[in-house]
Protein backbone atom coordinates (compact mmCIF):
# COMPACT_ATOMS: atom_id res chain seq x y z
CA MET A 1 0.00 0.00 0.00
CA VAL A 2 1.18 3.48 -0.80
CA GLY A 3 0.22 6.34 1.49
CA SER A 4 1.13 9.99 1.53
CA ALA A 5 2.69 12.24 4.12
CA GLY A 6 2.22 15.76 2.87
CA SER A 7 3.55 15.72 -0.68
CA ARG A 8 5.72 12.59 -0.24
CA ALA A 9 4.47 9.11 -1.05
CA PHE A 10 5.55 6.20 1.13
CA ILE A 11 5.22 2.42 1.06
CA VAL A 12 4.06 0.57 4.16
CA MET A 13 5.73 -2.84 4.51
CA LYS A 14 2.88 -4.35 6.49
CA THR A 15 0.41 -3.93 3.64
CA SER A 16 2.65 -3.87 0.54
CA HIS A 17 5.02 -6.64 1.65
CA GLN A 18 7.81 -4.52 0.15
CA CYS A 19 10.59 -2.53 1.83
CA PRO A 20 10.17 1.22 1.22
CA LYS A 21 13.94 1.74 1.43
CA CYS A 22 15.37 -0.89 -0.95
CA GLN A 23 12.17 -2.37 -2.52
CA SER A 24 13.05 -5.91 -1.41
CA ARG A 25 10.16 -8.29 -0.75
CA ARG A 26 12.21 -10.43 1.69
CA LEU A 27 10.87 -9.49 5.12
CA TRP A 28 10.93 -10.74 8.70
CA VAL A 29 7.78 -10.34 10.80
CA VAL A 30 7.98 -10.46 14.61
CA GLU A 31 4.45 -10.64 15.97
CA ARG A 32 5.44 -9.71 19.54
CA ALA A 33 8.72 -7.90 20.18
CA GLU A 34 10.55 -9.02 23.30
CA GLN A 35 13.69 -7.99 25.15
CA PRO A 36 16.01 -10.10 27.30
CA LEU A 37 15.63 -9.94 31.06
CA CYS A 38 18.51 -8.29 32.94
CA ASP A 39 19.55 -11.58 34.56
CA GLY A 40 19.60 -13.35 31.19
CA GLY A 41 16.88 -15.78 32.29
CA GLY A 42 14.31 -15.38 29.55
CA THR A 43 12.55 -12.51 27.83
CA ASN A 44 10.05 -9.78 28.63
CA THR A 45 7.39 -8.47 26.25
CA LEU A 46 8.21 -4.98 25.01
CA ARG A 47 5.19 -2.79 25.86
CA VAL A 48 3.97 0.41 24.22
CA ALA A 49 3.63 1.93 27.71
CA SER A 50 3.15 0.79 31.30
CA GLY A 51 2.18 2.63 34.43
CA ASP A 52 0.25 2.58 37.66
CA VAL A 53 -3.29 3.92 37.80
CA LEU A 54 -5.52 4.60 40.78
CA THR A 55 -8.14 1.92 41.39
CA GLY A 56 -10.26 3.95 43.81
CA HIS A 57 -9.92 1.17 46.39
CA THR A 58 -8.86 1.61 49.98
CA ASP A 59 -6.50 -0.91 51.56
CA ASP A 60 -9.48 -2.94 52.84
CA GLU A 61 -11.07 -3.20 49.38
CA GLY A 62 -7.92 -3.97 47.44
CA PRO A 63 -4.74 -2.28 46.30
CA PRO A 64 -4.99 1.47 45.62
CA LEU A 65 -2.88 1.12 42.46
CA GLU A 66 -3.01 -1.20 39.49
CA THR A 67 -0.26 -1.60 36.91
CA VAL A 68 -1.58 -1.19 33.37
CA HIS A 69 0.37 -2.51 30.39
CA ALA A 70 -0.60 -0.93 27.07
CA GLY A 71 -0.25 -3.19 24.07
CA THR A 72 2.69 -4.88 22.44
CA PHE A 73 4.81 -4.18 19.36
CA GLU A 74 4.81 -5.99 16.03
CA THR A 75 7.83 -5.38 13.79
CA TRP A 76 8.42 -5.77 10.06
CA THR A 77 12.12 -5.88 9.13
CA CYS A 78 13.67 -6.00 5.67
CA ALA A 79 15.95 -9.04 5.35
CA VAL A 80 18.17 -7.15 2.89
CA CYS A 81 18.77 -3.68 4.37
CA GLY A 82 17.42 -4.00 7.94
CA PHE A 83 14.88 -1.18 7.66
CA THR A 84 12.23 -1.81 10.35
CA GLU A 85 8.66 -0.63 10.89
CA TRP A 86 7.09 -0.84 14.37
CA TYR A 87 3.33 -1.23 14.92
CA ALA A 88 1.53 -0.96 18.24
CA ARG A 89 -1.02 -3.74 18.82
CA ASP A 90 -3.96 -3.78 21.25
CA ALA A 91 -2.94 -0.54 22.96
CA ASN A 92 -5.80 1.98 22.69
CA GLU A 93 -7.90 1.03 25.71
CA ALA A 94 -4.95 0.80 28.11
CA LEU A 95 -3.38 4.01 26.73
CA ALA A 96 -6.68 5.82 27.36
CA ARG A 97 -6.63 4.57 30.98
CA LEU A 98 -3.06 5.78 31.44
CA ALA A 99 -3.81 9.16 29.82
CA ALA A 100 -6.80 9.68 32.15
CA HIS A 101 -4.45 10.08 35.12
CA PRO A 102 -3.01 13.61 35.07
CA TRP A 103 -0.26 12.65 37.50
CA ARG A 104 1.02 10.27 34.77
CA PRO A 105 2.14 12.85 32.17
CA LYS A 106 3.98 10.36 29.95
CA VAL A 107 0.82 9.41 27.98
CA ARG A 108 -1.42 11.86 26.16
CA TYR A 109 -3.89 11.70 23.29
CA VAL A 110 -3.68 14.01 20.26
CA ASP A 111 -6.35 14.07 17.56
CA GLY A 112 -5.56 16.37 14.66
CA GLU A 113 -8.93 15.68 13.02
CA ALA A 114 -11.45 16.27 15.81
CA THR A 115 -11.83 17.51 19.36
CA GLY A 116 -12.68 15.44 22.38
CA THR A 117 -11.50 12.29 24.07
CA PRO A 118 -11.47 8.95 22.26
CA SER A 119 -13.84 6.20 23.29
CA TRP A 120 -12.73 2.59 22.95
């Protein structure tokens, strides 16, 4: 698939199955990107974002905080030149939860087409 960014056209590997840099059709697809654990004992899923959110509970009702993990990453890498595209998967709902907490400024939503907050 060819898209456009301003006046420039671009090829998206995920839909065209072609590298936009060298035009090769030899690609690697990693459905869930992972990183090694610090102790070398396995791997950890690479998340789009993670953070603690308030649950509204008191200590008697349950923990006051809950850790939210937003999505995973899928990568498409050209086997010839190494060019890589990253795609976030299953992240919108958790990102909206993280963005709803103003004391967690690392996540925010921007919509250049409309005003308001997204609903997922």
